Each structure stands twice: as C-alpha cells, then as structure tokens.
Amino acid sequence: MSKNLYQILELSQDATYKQVKAAMIRLGKIYAPQAQTNENARADFNKIKEAYQVLSNPYQRAHYDDSLTENEEKNQNIKKYGRYFVKTWKKGWQVSKKWVIAGWQVRKKWVISGWQVSKRWLIERWQMSQRSFIENRVIREQQVIKKSENAKKLNAKKLSVTNKKLPKPPSTTKSSKATKLNKNILITDEKIIYQAKTHWFFYLDLGAVLLVILSSYFLAFAPAFIGEDMPTVLIWVPKLISRDLLEIAVWRLGLMALLFVGLMMLWEVFVIKQTTELGITSKRVLFKCGLLSRTIIELKLSRFESITIRQGPLGIIFNYGTITITGMGGVKTIVPNIVTPSRFKKILWNVVDKYENVAYW
C-alpha cells in the first residue's frame, strides 16, 4: 500500500505549517547527501519535496485533505458491499448445494444401472472374440514351431563351424568427459562473471505428475467400481519371463501406458533442467540447453538491448522467474525458472555499463 503525503513527511494530518517545514528540513538533511549517489534515496527525496510543496500551500493541502476523506469513504463502501456479497453468495451456495446433491443421487442410480447392462454386453462380446482369437493363434504357433525346429537342426552345425573360423572383434573403450558450455566456448581473455541456476519448480510438470499419481493409485489399489470381470487380453512376453502368453486386464494395460507416458514427460523435464545453463562473461551472454538436441545462443554485450523478468505468485514467493533477453533485431532468448532473476539482471547491467565505458575510452 502506497504512503500518503503525511506519511512521507512522518506527520499527522493536523500538523501545522511549522511542523511541516521542520519535517522537510529534518528529512532533507538525511536524504540530500545520499541522493547524489543512491537512486533509491534520490527517488525518496523527490517524493519528500513534492509532499512539502503540497502541504505547505493551504489551498493545495485543503484539496488533498478532501481527496483523502473521499478515498476513505469509498473504501468503507467497498468493504460494506463486499460483506453483503459474501453473505448472499453463501446463502445461494447452500441452496444450490442441496439441489445439486439431490439431483446427483438420482442421476447416479441411472448411470450405475446403465453401466451394469453395457458392461455385461461388452464382456460377452469380448469373450467370444477372445476364444476365436486364441484358437487361431494356437494353430499358427504350432505350425511355426514345427518349421523352426527343423530349421534349427539343419543350421546348428553350420553356425558352429562359421563361429570357430571368425576372429574375435577387438574390444574398444571410449572415455567421455562431461564438459560445460562455459569452459568450452570461452574465447581469449574472457572470464565467467556469473552463472545462473534453475529452480526446482522446473520439475513440476502438472500434467505428468497427475498422470503418474492417478495411474499409480489405480494400479496399486484397483478400485471397486472397475470390477473383477473386466475384459482381458493376451500379451506376448519374452520366454525368460514366461513361455505362455501373459493375460492382463485391458484397464490395467491402459493405466500402464499412461504411467509410462507420465514418467517420460517427467524425464524430459529433468533432462532440460539439468542441461539448462545461463551465464554472463566479460564479453558475452551464453545460453545452452538440451542433451541430444542441443541449443546454444551467444549474445555479445554490444548487441544487448533489454532484459525482462516475469514472475507469477509462486515465483515471487520462492524467488524465481522467467528471463527474456532481447538483442538487436528483436531476437529474444527465453529462459524459464531462473533462481534470483533480479540478481542476474543487476549483474548483467553492471557488466554492460563497464563494457560500454571501456569501449568508449
């Protein structure tokens, strides 16, 4: 909440002209020396001078006092209307809640009865198609097994002879060292000044988290409304696990697919978070992101134009935000979830100012 003119001069509303003048002299002695070097002190000193100009003039002060009283009356009226609105909303909510609950109980009975009928019909259809599919599959497998056994016996001797004649392939080992963008891409006489870090909120992909939680819950606890007589399907598995086809429920197979998709989404976010690097050097702004598909952006300090910080409510609370760096020609580099973005902005402007001073001289 912004201060009024009396609060800026640290006075009450019934202060006299002498008290206003004394407050101006007292605050001027405090802020005037600091205003020459500190921008915040200069802004506060300008507000103090503006407040003194208004309160020292009787006509302007009377007009300002009237505006303060009007604002107080408006705020009181707004609070009254807000309380009235909350009361009426609560009453309406109680009435509508009872109506919705009664209607939902009736519709719930209709839905359950319709679901039971359709469920039985689907189970019968599925069992018929499953039987025919199993019979045809068994016949085809028996034919394939006979042919494969004969072919294995004929080729066993040939394979053993050729394997003895073939030389063993040489063993090769590769050593890969993890390298960072800032070390590999630095040029001569260039130093790293600041390197930003990404916030742990980067991991919170709400869609992926919901997929993983819901699918894991249904797979683990198997809710009662699904039922034990749901259709099943036969799935091929490696012979090391089972020689027969694995029978699994259709709903469980779908939930396993959703769980896999959610885990892959979380893995993608984790890789992007771990490979995102944003740094400031004495000559450039460097950005790197990606593991298999990598993006590297280099912006010279002479090409830098502006920097924008965007923070939501959570970003303000946990001190993180999205940084947008704009270069000449309108080229923008957007980096999300950077910790302490204001510090990055301050350091970048200091480096740009030093670079411009050196280039000028």
Protein backbone atom coordinates (compact mmCIF):
# COMPACT_ATOMS: atom_id res chain seq x y z
CA MET A 1 0.00 0.00 0.00
CA SER A 2 1.46 3.38 -1.02
CA LYS A 3 2.02 6.08 1.59
CA ASN A 4 0.16 9.39 1.59
CA LEU A 5 1.90 12.75 1.82
CA TYR A 6 1.57 12.95 5.60
CA GLN A 7 3.17 9.52 6.00
CA ILE A 8 6.02 10.51 3.67
CA LEU A 9 6.83 13.53 5.89
CA GLU A 10 6.18 11.40 9.02
CA LEU A 11 3.46 13.79 10.27
CA SER A 12 -0.14 13.59 11.40
CA GLN A 13 -2.98 15.21 9.43
CA ASP A 14 -3.39 18.00 12.00
CA ALA A 15 0.25 19.16 11.72
CA THR A 16 0.88 22.92 11.47
CA TYR A 17 2.90 24.74 8.83
CA LYS A 18 5.89 24.99 11.20
CA GLN A 19 5.82 21.25 11.80
CA VAL A 20 5.68 20.61 8.04
CA LYS A 21 8.66 22.88 7.46
CA ALA A 22 10.62 21.30 10.33
CA ALA A 23 9.93 17.81 8.94
CA MET A 24 11.16 18.93 5.50
CA ILE A 25 14.41 20.28 6.98
CA ARG A 26 14.95 17.16 9.08
CA LEU A 27 14.35 14.71 6.23
CA GLY A 28 16.33 16.85 3.79
CA LYS A 29 19.41 16.56 5.99
CA ILE A 30 19.04 12.77 5.89
CA TYR A 31 18.27 12.16 2.20
CA ALA A 32 20.04 15.06 0.46
CA PRO A 33 23.62 13.67 0.87
CA GLN A 34 22.50 10.16 -0.14
CA ALA A 35 20.52 11.35 -3.19
CA GLN A 36 23.73 12.23 -5.05
CA THR A 37 24.95 8.62 -5.15
CA ASN A 38 21.92 6.39 -4.48
CA GLU A 39 18.99 6.22 -6.92
CA ASN A 40 16.51 4.98 -4.29
CA ALA A 41 17.44 7.82 -1.92
CA ARG A 42 17.05 10.29 -4.81
CA ALA A 43 13.54 9.00 -5.54
CA ASP A 44 12.55 9.21 -1.85
CA PHE A 45 13.94 12.76 -1.64
CA ASN A 46 11.87 13.81 -4.69
CA LYS A 47 8.72 12.41 -3.03
CA ILE A 48 9.54 14.38 0.15
CA LYS A 49 9.89 17.63 -1.84
CA GLU A 50 6.59 17.01 -3.66
CA ALA A 51 4.83 16.33 -0.34
CA TYR A 52 6.25 19.54 1.14
CA GLN A 53 5.10 21.60 -1.86
CA VAL A 54 1.51 20.36 -1.44
CA LEU A 55 1.26 20.53 2.36
CA SER A 56 2.96 23.93 2.65
CA ASN A 57 0.30 25.51 0.40
CA PRO A 58 -3.03 25.95 2.29
CA TYR A 59 -5.23 25.61 -0.83
CA GLN A 60 -3.46 22.51 -2.14
CA ARG A 61 -3.46 20.97 1.35
CA ALA A 62 -7.21 21.54 1.75
CA HIS A 63 -7.86 19.94 -1.63
CA TYR A 64 -5.62 16.99 -0.73
CA ASP A 65 -7.38 16.50 2.63
CA ASP A 66 -10.74 16.40 0.84
CA SER A 67 -9.44 13.74 -1.56
CA LEU A 68 -8.19 11.64 1.39
CA THR A 69 -11.59 11.72 3.07
CA GLU A 70 -13.31 10.76 -0.20
CA ASN A 71 -10.98 7.80 -0.64
CA GLU A 72 -11.65 6.62 2.91
CA GLU A 73 -15.42 6.78 2.32
CA LYS A 74 -15.05 4.83 -0.94
CA ASN A 75 -13.01 2.14 0.79
CA GLN A 76 -15.62 1.80 3.53
CA ASN A 77 -18.43 1.48 0.96
CA ILE A 78 -16.46 -1.15 -0.95
CA LYS A 79 -15.99 -3.18 2.24
CA LYS A 80 -19.73 -2.97 3.02
CA TYR A 81 -20.71 -4.16 -0.46
CA GLY A 82 -18.13 -6.93 -0.23
CA ARG A 83 -19.56 -8.23 3.04
CA TYR A 84 -23.09 -8.13 1.63
CA PHE A 85 -21.99 -10.00 -1.47
CA VAL A 86 -20.28 -12.72 0.60
CA LYS A 87 -23.38 -13.23 2.74
CA THR A 88 -25.71 -13.55 -0.26
CA TRP A 89 -23.25 -15.83 -2.02
CA LYS A 90 -23.07 -18.17 0.99
CA LYS A 91 -26.85 -18.40 1.19
CA GLY A 92 -27.15 -19.13 -2.52
CA TRP A 93 -24.39 -21.71 -2.28
CA GLN A 94 -26.16 -23.64 0.49
CA VAL A 95 -29.42 -23.77 -1.51
CA SER A 96 -27.74 -24.80 -4.77
CA LYS A 97 -25.61 -27.36 -2.94
CA LYS A 98 -28.68 -29.19 -1.61
CA TRP A 99 -30.29 -29.13 -5.06
CA VAL A 100 -27.18 -30.47 -6.77
CA ILE A 101 -26.74 -33.28 -4.22
CA ALA A 102 -30.34 -34.44 -4.65
CA GLY A 103 -30.09 -34.38 -8.46
CA TRP A 104 -26.74 -36.16 -8.38
CA GLN A 105 -28.09 -39.06 -6.32
CA VAL A 106 -30.88 -39.66 -8.85
CA ARG A 107 -28.54 -39.47 -11.84
CA LYS A 108 -26.01 -41.71 -10.09
CA LYS A 109 -28.57 -44.53 -9.89
CA TRP A 110 -29.34 -44.17 -13.60
CA VAL A 111 -25.68 -44.20 -14.55
CA ILE A 112 -24.88 -47.26 -12.42
CA SER A 113 -27.76 -49.30 -13.84
CA GLY A 114 -26.85 -48.37 -17.42
CA TRP A 115 -23.20 -49.16 -16.77
CA GLN A 116 -24.01 -52.66 -15.45
CA VAL A 117 -26.07 -53.52 -18.55
CA SER A 118 -23.47 -52.25 -21.02
CA LYS A 119 -20.70 -53.91 -19.03
CA ARG A 120 -22.31 -57.36 -19.31
CA TRP A 121 -22.87 -56.96 -23.04
CA LEU A 122 -19.25 -55.92 -23.63
CA ILE A 123 -17.91 -58.83 -21.57
CA GLU A 124 -19.92 -61.36 -23.57
CA ARG A 125 -18.76 -59.90 -26.88
CA TRP A 126 -15.16 -59.77 -25.73
CA GLN A 127 -15.13 -63.38 -24.51
CA MET A 128 -16.44 -64.61 -27.85
CA SER A 129 -13.80 -62.73 -29.84
CA GLN A 130 -11.08 -63.82 -27.40
CA ARG A 131 -11.91 -67.50 -27.80
CA SER A 132 -11.78 -67.35 -31.59
CA PHE A 133 -8.51 -65.39 -31.48
CA ILE A 134 -6.85 -67.92 -29.13
CA GLU A 135 -7.89 -70.90 -31.25
CA ASN A 136 -6.47 -69.36 -34.44
CA ARG A 137 -3.28 -68.28 -32.69
CA VAL A 138 -2.60 -71.76 -31.25
CA ILE A 139 -2.92 -73.32 -34.70
CA ARG A 140 -0.49 -70.82 -36.25
CA GLU A 141 2.01 -71.23 -33.41
CA GLN A 142 2.08 -75.00 -33.79
CA GLN A 143 2.86 -74.67 -37.48
CA VAL A 144 5.62 -72.13 -36.84
CA ILE A 145 7.19 -74.27 -34.08
CA LYS A 146 7.46 -77.29 -36.35
CA LYS A 147 9.15 -75.29 -39.10
CA SER A 148 11.55 -73.55 -36.70
CA GLU A 149 12.65 -76.81 -35.04
CA ASN A 150 13.57 -78.33 -38.39
CA ALA A 151 15.44 -75.20 -39.46
CA LYS A 152 17.41 -75.05 -36.17
CA LYS A 153 18.61 -78.62 -36.51
CA LEU A 154 19.87 -78.00 -40.06
CA ASN A 155 21.64 -74.73 -39.26
CA ALA A 156 23.18 -75.69 -35.89
CA LYS A 157 26.23 -77.40 -37.40
CA LYS A 158 26.81 -74.62 -39.95
CA LEU A 159 26.71 -71.92 -37.29
CA SER A 160 29.18 -73.73 -35.02
CA VAL A 161 31.71 -74.09 -37.86
CA THR A 162 31.47 -70.48 -39.00
CA ASN A 163 31.79 -69.16 -35.43
CA LYS A 164 35.07 -71.02 -34.96
CA LYS A 165 36.54 -69.55 -38.14
CA LEU A 166 35.55 -65.95 -37.44
CA PRO A 167 38.12 -63.85 -35.48
CA LYS A 168 37.07 -62.12 -32.28
CA PRO A 169 36.33 -58.41 -32.67
CA PRO A 170 38.73 -56.06 -30.89
CA SER A 171 37.42 -54.51 -27.66
CA THR A 172 37.18 -50.72 -27.80
CA THR A 173 36.65 -48.39 -24.87
CA LYS A 174 35.61 -44.81 -25.16
CA SER A 175 36.14 -42.24 -22.42
CA SER A 176 33.71 -39.37 -22.38
CA LYS A 177 34.20 -36.46 -20.03
CA ALA A 178 31.36 -34.19 -19.04
CA THR A 179 32.15 -30.74 -20.34
CA LYS A 180 30.40 -27.49 -19.56
CA LEU A 181 29.42 -24.84 -22.04
CA ASN A 182 31.22 -22.04 -20.24
CA LYS A 183 34.61 -23.82 -20.31
CA ASN A 184 34.49 -24.99 -23.92
CA ILE A 185 33.13 -21.85 -25.55
CA LEU A 186 35.22 -19.17 -23.84
CA ILE A 187 37.48 -17.12 -26.08
CA THR A 188 40.80 -15.50 -25.23
CA ASP A 189 40.83 -13.01 -22.33
CA GLU A 190 37.24 -13.93 -21.41
CA LYS A 191 36.17 -14.66 -17.83
CA ILE A 192 32.99 -16.06 -16.30
CA ILE A 193 31.35 -13.41 -14.12
CA TYR A 194 28.06 -15.05 -13.10
CA GLN A 195 26.25 -18.30 -13.86
CA ALA A 196 22.53 -18.61 -13.06
CA LYS A 197 20.79 -21.70 -11.71
CA THR A 198 17.37 -23.16 -12.48
CA HIS A 199 14.80 -23.58 -9.69
CA TRP A 200 13.49 -26.97 -8.52
CA PHE A 201 9.98 -25.86 -9.60
CA PHE A 202 11.16 -26.74 -13.13
CA TYR A 203 10.40 -30.39 -12.28
CA LEU A 204 6.72 -29.69 -11.54
CA ASP A 205 5.02 -30.60 -14.82
CA LEU A 206 1.42 -30.78 -13.52
CA GLY A 207 0.15 -32.95 -16.36
CA ALA A 208 2.92 -35.52 -15.90
CA VAL A 209 2.57 -35.52 -12.11
CA LEU A 210 -1.20 -36.12 -12.35
CA LEU A 211 -0.69 -38.95 -14.86
CA VAL A 212 1.87 -40.68 -12.62
CA ILE A 213 -0.11 -40.24 -9.37
CA LEU A 214 -3.53 -41.30 -10.73
CA SER A 215 -2.26 -44.24 -12.79
CA SER A 216 -0.07 -45.47 -9.90
CA TYR A 217 -3.00 -45.22 -7.47
CA PHE A 218 -5.39 -47.18 -9.69
CA LEU A 219 -2.73 -49.81 -10.47
CA ALA A 220 -1.86 -50.26 -6.79
CA PHE A 221 -5.33 -50.28 -5.19
CA ALA A 222 -7.64 -51.43 -8.07
CA PRO A 223 -10.85 -49.51 -7.14
CA ALA A 224 -14.06 -51.47 -6.63
CA PHE A 225 -16.04 -49.77 -9.40
CA ILE A 226 -13.77 -51.33 -12.06
CA GLY A 227 -14.73 -54.89 -11.11
CA GLU A 228 -13.02 -58.24 -11.45
CA ASP A 229 -14.94 -59.36 -14.56
CA MET A 230 -13.40 -56.77 -16.89
CA PRO A 231 -12.12 -57.96 -20.31
CA THR A 232 -8.57 -59.25 -20.56
CA VAL A 233 -6.06 -59.51 -23.39
CA LEU A 234 -3.14 -61.84 -24.10
CA ILE A 235 0.28 -60.23 -24.49
CA TRP A 236 3.49 -61.77 -25.76
CA VAL A 237 6.39 -61.68 -23.30
CA PRO A 238 9.99 -62.98 -23.61
CA LYS A 239 10.49 -66.67 -22.91
CA LEU A 240 12.79 -65.88 -19.98
CA ILE A 241 9.76 -64.49 -18.13
CA SER A 242 7.06 -66.92 -19.27
CA ARG A 243 6.62 -69.44 -22.08
CA ASP A 244 2.89 -68.81 -22.29
CA LEU A 245 1.07 -65.65 -23.25
CA LEU A 246 0.52 -63.24 -20.36
CA GLU A 247 -3.13 -62.49 -19.59
CA ILE A 248 -3.71 -58.91 -18.39
CA ALA A 249 -6.82 -56.76 -17.92
CA VAL A 250 -7.50 -54.07 -20.53
CA TRP A 251 -7.86 -51.29 -17.94
CA ARG A 252 -4.55 -52.26 -16.29
CA LEU A 253 -2.78 -52.21 -19.67
CA GLY A 254 -4.12 -48.72 -20.39
CA LEU A 255 -3.02 -47.43 -16.97
CA MET A 256 0.47 -48.86 -17.52
CA ALA A 257 0.67 -46.95 -20.81
CA LEU A 258 -0.42 -43.71 -19.08
CA LEU A 259 2.15 -44.27 -16.32
CA PHE A 260 4.88 -44.74 -18.91
CA VAL A 261 3.86 -41.53 -20.72
CA GLY A 262 3.91 -39.57 -17.43
CA LEU A 263 7.35 -40.90 -16.49
CA MET A 264 8.71 -39.97 -19.92
CA MET A 265 7.32 -36.43 -19.55
CA LEU A 266 9.00 -36.07 -16.13
CA TRP A 267 12.25 -37.44 -17.56
CA GLU A 268 12.14 -34.87 -20.37
CA VAL A 269 11.67 -32.02 -17.87
CA PHE A 270 14.51 -33.42 -15.73
CA VAL A 271 16.90 -33.53 -18.70
CA ILE A 272 16.01 -29.96 -19.74
CA LYS A 273 16.50 -28.72 -16.16
CA GLN A 274 19.88 -30.41 -15.76
CA THR A 275 21.21 -29.22 -19.14
CA THR A 276 19.98 -25.60 -18.96
CA GLU A 277 22.88 -23.18 -18.38
CA LEU A 278 22.77 -19.38 -18.45
CA GLY A 279 25.89 -17.34 -17.76
CA ILE A 280 27.45 -13.90 -18.10
CA THR A 281 31.06 -13.43 -19.16
CA SER A 282 33.16 -10.34 -19.61
CA LYS A 283 32.25 -10.22 -23.33
CA ARG A 284 29.04 -12.20 -23.92
CA VAL A 285 25.83 -13.72 -22.55
CA LEU A 286 25.84 -17.51 -23.04
CA PHE A 287 22.86 -19.92 -23.02
CA LYS A 288 22.87 -23.70 -23.50
CA CYS A 289 20.00 -26.20 -23.29
CA GLY A 290 19.44 -29.81 -24.38
CA LEU A 291 21.20 -33.16 -24.31
CA LEU A 292 20.58 -35.00 -27.59
CA SER A 293 19.20 -31.94 -29.39
CA ARG A 294 21.25 -29.01 -28.10
CA THR A 295 20.61 -25.26 -28.40
CA ILE A 296 23.46 -22.76 -27.85
CA ILE A 297 22.90 -18.99 -28.01
CA GLU A 298 25.69 -16.41 -27.73
CA LEU A 299 24.90 -12.70 -27.41
CA LYS A 300 27.63 -10.07 -27.42
CA LEU A 301 27.33 -7.33 -24.83
CA SER A 302 27.41 -4.73 -27.60
CA ARG A 303 24.29 -6.39 -29.13
CA PHE A 304 22.35 -6.43 -25.86
CA GLU A 305 19.23 -4.22 -25.70
CA SER A 306 16.95 -5.17 -22.80
CA ILE A 307 16.08 -7.83 -20.22
CA THR A 308 12.59 -8.70 -18.95
CA ILE A 309 11.67 -10.65 -15.79
CA ARG A 310 8.27 -12.32 -15.47
CA GLN A 311 7.21 -13.74 -12.09
CA GLY A 312 3.92 -15.27 -11.01
CA PRO A 313 2.65 -15.55 -7.42
CA LEU A 314 4.77 -18.66 -6.77
CA GLY A 315 7.76 -17.02 -8.44
CA ILE A 316 7.51 -14.02 -6.10
CA ILE A 317 7.23 -16.27 -3.04
CA PHE A 318 10.07 -18.67 -3.95
CA ASN A 319 12.20 -16.04 -5.75
CA TYR A 320 12.34 -17.44 -9.28
CA GLY A 321 11.08 -16.28 -12.68
CA THR A 322 11.35 -16.35 -16.46
CA ILE A 323 14.07 -14.18 -18.01
CA THR A 324 13.69 -12.80 -21.56
CA ILE A 325 16.89 -11.32 -23.05
CA THR A 326 16.39 -9.18 -26.17
CA GLY A 327 19.19 -8.40 -28.59
CA MET A 328 19.45 -6.18 -31.65
CA GLY A 329 16.91 -7.02 -34.36
CA GLY A 330 14.31 -8.20 -31.81
CA VAL A 331 15.95 -11.60 -31.23
CA LYS A 332 14.67 -12.95 -27.90
CA THR A 333 16.11 -15.66 -25.64
CA ILE A 334 13.61 -17.00 -23.07
CA VAL A 335 14.93 -18.99 -20.08
CA PRO A 336 12.30 -20.21 -17.53
CA ASN A 337 12.58 -20.84 -13.78
CA ILE A 338 15.83 -18.97 -13.03
CA VAL A 339 16.72 -18.52 -9.34
CA THR A 340 17.08 -14.87 -8.15
CA PRO A 341 16.37 -13.27 -11.55
CA SER A 342 16.77 -9.76 -10.12
CA ARG A 343 20.36 -10.52 -9.18
CA PHE A 344 21.07 -11.78 -12.69
CA LYS A 345 19.54 -8.60 -14.11
CA LYS A 346 21.61 -6.35 -11.83
CA ILE A 347 24.88 -8.13 -12.64
CA LEU A 348 24.13 -8.04 -16.38
CA TRP A 349 23.53 -4.28 -16.36
CA ASN A 350 26.71 -3.69 -14.36
CA VAL A 351 28.73 -5.72 -16.86
CA VAL A 352 27.13 -3.88 -19.80
CA ASP A 353 27.92 -0.49 -18.23
CA LYS A 354 31.56 -1.46 -17.65
CA TYR A 355 31.82 -2.78 -21.21
CA GLU A 356 30.42 0.47 -22.67
CA ASN A 357 32.80 2.60 -20.58
CA VAL A 358 35.82 0.56 -21.70
CA ALA A 359 34.70 0.68 -25.35
CA TYR A 360 34.18 4.47 -25.14
CA TRP A 361 37.63 5.20 -23.73
